[in-house]
């Protein structure tokens, strides 16, 4: 699989929102019990229990999103860690889950893709529209996953749904772009964006039936499709706005 390294087409402006999203994800991760940096959560079994409880409190549990009611902790978590007492409005977890990651590799993998495609999408959409789109993509991915698996009580965490949306938007907004990618073991090559991201999307689709995986492939697909549709609308609206401006002039 080709690992994207950077967009070969330079941005016309500093991608502050992309940098901000990367920084927020890193800082949030460092402050959670899933990071070894946060020593105040304890060590060993204590940290593992804190991480489990934290994930259920701030992660998006599909059954909570579809019913609106907080679900009890699984029996095995209660058995190992004891009961947890926290208040939770399920809809807020759709937002907070976008900024949580299970480990450093999970975080790094997501941020590499955000760094590669985020700058180009921000450059074309503008900062505020890009930020709004990012959050909308994430919500579509989370609620799409919940709609597909309404009875699931496994928390969904990670920025990958929102980033998948940015990837989908990038394909539409920069269809002739090229991404410098690393192809193991040592090849670095410029590949068309539709090859890199199209291959990624096909992998997500083919992996939908993998019940042993803990990756939410369905959320990725919902996010990616949302990004494609949003970009198509944004690209179509551009000429209409320019035409309206000319007619007023």
Foldseek 3Di string as FASTA:
>chain_A
DWAFQAWPDDFPDDQVLLVVLLVLLVVVACCALLHPNNCVQDDDLSSVLRNLVVLLQQFQFLQCVVVQDRDFDDPVSCVSPNGDDDDHRNVNSLQSQLSYDNHDVLSVSLSSLSRHQVRVLCRVQPRVRSVVQLSVQSSQLSNQLSVVVVPGGDGHHYNLSSSLLSLLLSCLVPVQIWTFIADPPGDTDTHGSCVVSVVVLVVLVVCPPVPVDPDSSSSSNSSNVSSNVVNVVVVVVVVVVVVVVVVVD
